[in-house]
C-alpha atoms as a PDB file:
ATOM      1  CA  UNK A   1      19.142 -16.675   0.451  1.00  0.00           C
ATOM      2  CA  UNK A   2      16.723 -14.124  -0.907  1.00  0.00           C
ATOM      3  CA  UNK A   3      14.210 -12.672   1.601  1.00  0.00           C
ATOM      4  CA  UNK A   4      10.626 -11.651   0.586  1.00  0.00           C
ATOM      5  CA  UNK A   5      10.181  -7.679   0.284  1.00  0.00           C
ATOM      6  CA  UNK A   6       7.301  -7.652  -2.089  1.00  0.00           C
ATOM      7  CA  UNK A   7       3.741  -8.755  -2.273  1.00  0.00           C
ATOM      8  CA  UNK A   8       1.123  -8.663  -4.862  1.00  0.00           C
ATOM      9  CA  UNK A   9      -2.407  -9.171  -4.439  1.00  0.00           C
ATOM     10  CA  UNK A  10      -4.637  -9.882  -7.239  1.00  0.00           C
ATOM     11  CA  UNK A  11      -7.342  -7.627  -7.801  1.00  0.00           C
ATOM     12  CA  UNK A  12     -10.458  -6.974  -9.926  1.00  0.00           C
ATOM     13  CA  UNK A  13     -10.440  -3.157 -10.186  1.00  0.00           C
ATOM     14  CA  UNK A  14      -6.902  -1.636  -9.789  1.00  0.00           C
ATOM     15  CA  UNK A  15      -8.316   1.835  -9.638  1.00  0.00           C
ATOM     16  CA  UNK A  16     -10.826   0.699  -6.616  1.00  0.00           C
ATOM     17  CA  UNK A  17      -8.358  -0.794  -5.089  1.00  0.00           C
ATOM     18  CA  UNK A  18      -5.884   1.651  -5.042  1.00  0.00           C
ATOM     19  CA  UNK A  19      -8.194   4.099  -3.620  1.00  0.00           C
ATOM     20  CA  UNK A  20      -9.099   1.512  -0.950  1.00  0.00           C
ATOM     21  CA  UNK A  21      -5.308   0.676   0.235  1.00  0.00           C
ATOM     22  CA  UNK A  22      -4.688   4.493  -0.186  1.00  0.00           C
ATOM     23  CA  UNK A  23      -7.406   5.113   2.492  1.00  0.00           C
ATOM     24  CA  UNK A  24      -6.538   2.557   4.517  1.00  0.00           C
ATOM     25  CA  UNK A  25      -2.651   2.847   4.505  1.00  0.00           C
ATOM     26  CA  UNK A  26      -2.943   6.884   4.635  1.00  0.00           C
ATOM     27  CA  UNK A  27      -0.452   7.147   1.450  1.00  0.00           C
ATOM     28  CA  UNK A  28      -0.782   7.258  -2.157  1.00  0.00           C
ATOM     29  CA  UNK A  29       1.008   4.319  -4.269  1.00  0.00           C
ATOM     30  CA  UNK A  30       4.426   5.367  -5.418  1.00  0.00           C
ATOM     31  CA  UNK A  31       3.329   3.648  -9.098  1.00  0.00           C
ATOM     32  CA  UNK A  32       0.012   3.305 -10.494  1.00  0.00           C
ATOM     33  CA  UNK A  33      -1.246   2.390 -14.205  1.00  0.00           C
ATOM     34  CA  UNK A  34      -4.478   0.999 -15.148  1.00  0.00           C
ATOM     35  CA  UNK A  35      -3.395  -2.519 -14.551  1.00  0.00           C
ATOM     36  CA  UNK A  36      -0.991  -2.121 -11.637  1.00  0.00           C
ATOM     37  CA  UNK A  37      -0.509   0.253  -8.444  1.00  0.00           C
ATOM     38  CA  UNK A  38       2.724  -0.259  -6.021  1.00  0.00           C
ATOM     39  CA  UNK A  39       2.690   0.757  -2.528  1.00  0.00           C
ATOM     40  CA  UNK A  40       5.701   1.489  -0.295  1.00  0.00           C
ATOM     41  CA  UNK A  41       5.080   0.484   3.265  1.00  0.00           C
ATOM     42  CA  UNK A  42       7.118   1.842   6.343  1.00  0.00           C
ATOM     43  CA  UNK A  43       8.532  -1.440   7.026  1.00  0.00           C
ATOM     44  CA  UNK A  44      10.251  -1.300   3.629  1.00  0.00           C
ATOM     45  CA  UNK A  45       7.747  -4.053   2.230  1.00  0.00           C
ATOM     46  CA  UNK A  46       6.252  -3.261  -1.076  1.00  0.00           C
ATOM     47  CA  UNK A  47       2.416  -3.802  -1.992  1.00  0.00           C
ATOM     48  CA  UNK A  48       1.344  -4.504  -5.239  1.00  0.00           C
ATOM     49  CA  UNK A  49      -2.123  -4.661  -6.984  1.00  0.00           C
ATOM     50  CA  UNK A  50      -2.200  -6.449 -10.345  1.00  0.00           C
ATOM     51  CA  UNK A  51      -5.614  -6.742 -12.559  1.00  0.00           C
ATOM     52  CA  UNK A  52      -6.549 -10.406 -12.066  1.00  0.00           C
ATOM     53  CA  UNK A  53      -7.444 -10.692 -15.747  1.00  0.00           C
ATOM     54  CA  UNK A  54      -3.834  -9.309 -16.840  1.00  0.00           C
ATOM     55  CA  UNK A  55      -1.937 -11.926 -14.271  1.00  0.00           C
ATOM     56  CA  UNK A  56       0.177 -14.524 -16.469  1.00  0.00           C
ATOM     57  CA  UNK A  57       0.032 -17.098 -15.913  1.00  0.00           C
ATOM     58  CA  UNK A  58      -3.866 -16.755 -15.028  1.00  0.00           C
ATOM     59  CA  UNK A  59      -4.524 -16.831 -11.141  1.00  0.00           C
ATOM     60  CA  UNK A  60      -7.434 -19.051 -10.012  1.00  0.00           C
ATOM     61  CA  UNK A  61     -10.150 -18.145  -7.125  1.00  0.00           C
ATOM     62  CA  UNK A  62     -10.951 -15.099  -5.620  1.00  0.00           C
ATOM     63  CA  UNK A  63      -8.675 -13.418  -2.676  1.00  0.00           C
ATOM     64  CA  UNK A  64      -7.086 -16.203  -1.019  1.00  0.00           C
ATOM     65  CA  UNK A  65      -4.339 -13.925   0.910  1.00  0.00           C
ATOM     66  CA  UNK A  66      -4.006 -12.464   4.262  1.00  0.00           C
ATOM     67  CA  UNK A  67      -2.129  -9.059   5.393  1.00  0.00           C
ATOM     68  CA  UNK A  68      -1.254  -8.906   8.570  1.00  0.00           C
ATOM     69  CA  UNK A  69      -0.900  -5.860  10.924  1.00  0.00           C
ATOM     70  CA  UNK A  70       0.807  -6.073  14.362  1.00  0.00           C
ATOM     71  CA  UNK A  71       0.158  -3.573  16.722  1.00  0.00           C
ATOM     72  CA  UNK A  72       1.542  -2.661  20.393  1.00  0.00           C
ATOM     73  CA  UNK A  73      -1.433  -4.016  22.518  1.00  0.00           C
ATOM     74  CA  UNK A  74      -5.299  -4.902  22.769  1.00  0.00           C
ATOM     75  CA  UNK A  75      -6.075  -1.325  22.899  1.00  0.00           C
ATOM     76  CA  UNK A  76      -4.489  -0.800  19.609  1.00  0.00           C
ATOM     77  CA  UNK A  77      -6.342  -3.423  18.018  1.00  0.00           C
ATOM     78  CA  UNK A  78      -9.944  -2.343  19.746  1.00  0.00           C
ATOM     79  CA  UNK A  79      -8.906   1.186  18.332  1.00  0.00           C
ATOM     80  CA  UNK A  80      -8.066  -0.083  14.823  1.00  0.00           C
ATOM     81  CA  UNK A  81     -11.363  -2.033  14.585  1.00  0.00           C
ATOM     82  CA  UNK A  82     -13.394   1.190  15.614  1.00  0.00           C
ATOM     83  CA  UNK A  83     -11.559   3.288  12.885  1.00  0.00           C
ATOM     84  CA  UNK A  84     -12.199   0.499  10.077  1.00  0.00           C
ATOM     85  CA  UNK A  85     -16.049  -0.135  11.171  1.00  0.00           C
ATOM     86  CA  UNK A  86     -16.279   3.440  10.952  1.00  0.00           C
ATOM     87  CA  UNK A  87     -14.562   3.556   7.630  1.00  0.00           C
ATOM     88  CA  UNK A  88     -17.180   0.686   6.223  1.00  0.00           C
ATOM     89  CA  UNK A  89     -14.659  -1.885   5.987  1.00  0.00           C
ATOM     90  CA  UNK A  90     -16.179  -5.332   5.726  1.00  0.00           C
ATOM     91  CA  UNK A  91     -15.509  -7.371   8.952  1.00  0.00           C
ATOM     92  CA  UNK A  92     -15.542 -10.980   9.073  1.00  0.00           C
ATOM     93  CA  UNK A  93     -14.314 -11.322  12.721  1.00  0.00           C
ATOM     94  CA  UNK A  94     -15.103  -8.873  15.846  1.00  0.00           C
ATOM     95  CA  UNK A  95     -12.159  -8.334  18.294  1.00  0.00           C
ATOM     96  CA  UNK A  96     -11.150 -11.699  19.776  1.00  0.00           C
ATOM     97  CA  UNK A  97      -8.845 -13.550  21.833  1.00  0.00           C
ATOM     98  CA  UNK A  98      -6.781 -16.347  19.799  1.00  0.00           C
ATOM     99  CA  UNK A  99      -3.995 -18.495  20.837  1.00  0.00           C
ATOM    100  CA  UNK A 100      -1.825 -16.316  18.932  1.00  0.00           C
ATOM    101  CA  UNK A 101      -2.970 -12.704  20.613  1.00  0.00           C
ATOM    102  CA  UNK A 102      -6.022 -10.264  20.398  1.00  0.00           C
ATOM    103  CA  UNK A 103      -7.064 -10.029  16.718  1.00  0.00           C
ATOM    104  CA  UNK A 104     -10.022  -8.800  14.535  1.00  0.00           C
ATOM    105  CA  UNK A 105     -10.234  -9.790  10.856  1.00  0.00           C
ATOM    106  CA  UNK A 106     -11.681  -7.566   7.938  1.00  0.00           C
ATOM    107  CA  UNK A 107     -11.458  -7.464   3.945  1.00  0.00           C
ATOM    108  CA  UNK A 108     -10.639  -5.593   0.917  1.00  0.00           C
ATOM    109  CA  UNK A 109     -12.854  -5.407  -2.079  1.00  0.00           C
ATOM    110  CA  UNK A 110     -11.370  -8.738  -3.413  1.00  0.00           C
ATOM    111  CA  UNK A 111     -11.800 -10.987  -0.326  1.00  0.00           C
ATOM    112  CA  UNK A 112      -8.303 -10.877   0.674  1.00  0.00           C
ATOM    113  CA  UNK A 113      -8.001 -10.994   4.593  1.00  0.00           C
ATOM    114  CA  UNK A 114      -6.591  -7.923   6.676  1.00  0.00           C
ATOM    115  CA  UNK A 115      -5.974  -9.299  10.259  1.00  0.00           C
ATOM    116  CA  UNK A 116      -4.882  -6.852  13.019  1.00  0.00           C
ATOM    117  CA  UNK A 117      -3.579  -8.440  15.776  1.00  0.00           C
ATOM    118  CA  UNK A 118      -1.581  -7.857  19.266  1.00  0.00           C
ATOM    119  CA  UNK A 119       0.597 -10.609  20.863  1.00  0.00           C
ATOM    120  CA  UNK A 120      -0.059 -11.662  24.140  1.00  0.00           C
END
């Protein structure tokens, strides 16, 4: 059976989103064009940014995806939260304890959720 190894986010402005993810991931894309950018992640997963207006068949609705970043412990959640706030990311949920662990939630320029968490 095939295993997923590639995620694509539909974005309004590929250039702005490429800069956002270049800063967030601390790495440049491995491929970039006016309508698409591709990042190779340390986990082996690929993250694509595709201009929403060029997606076929057309995509509906804004955002709608959540990328999750698992970190070692609650202290790492708090540290990354402070870093992202200082970097100007839009925060949707301040650090909080939830059933699955300690977490916070930010979002990218297109409203895709960026969740950082540590398991209990």
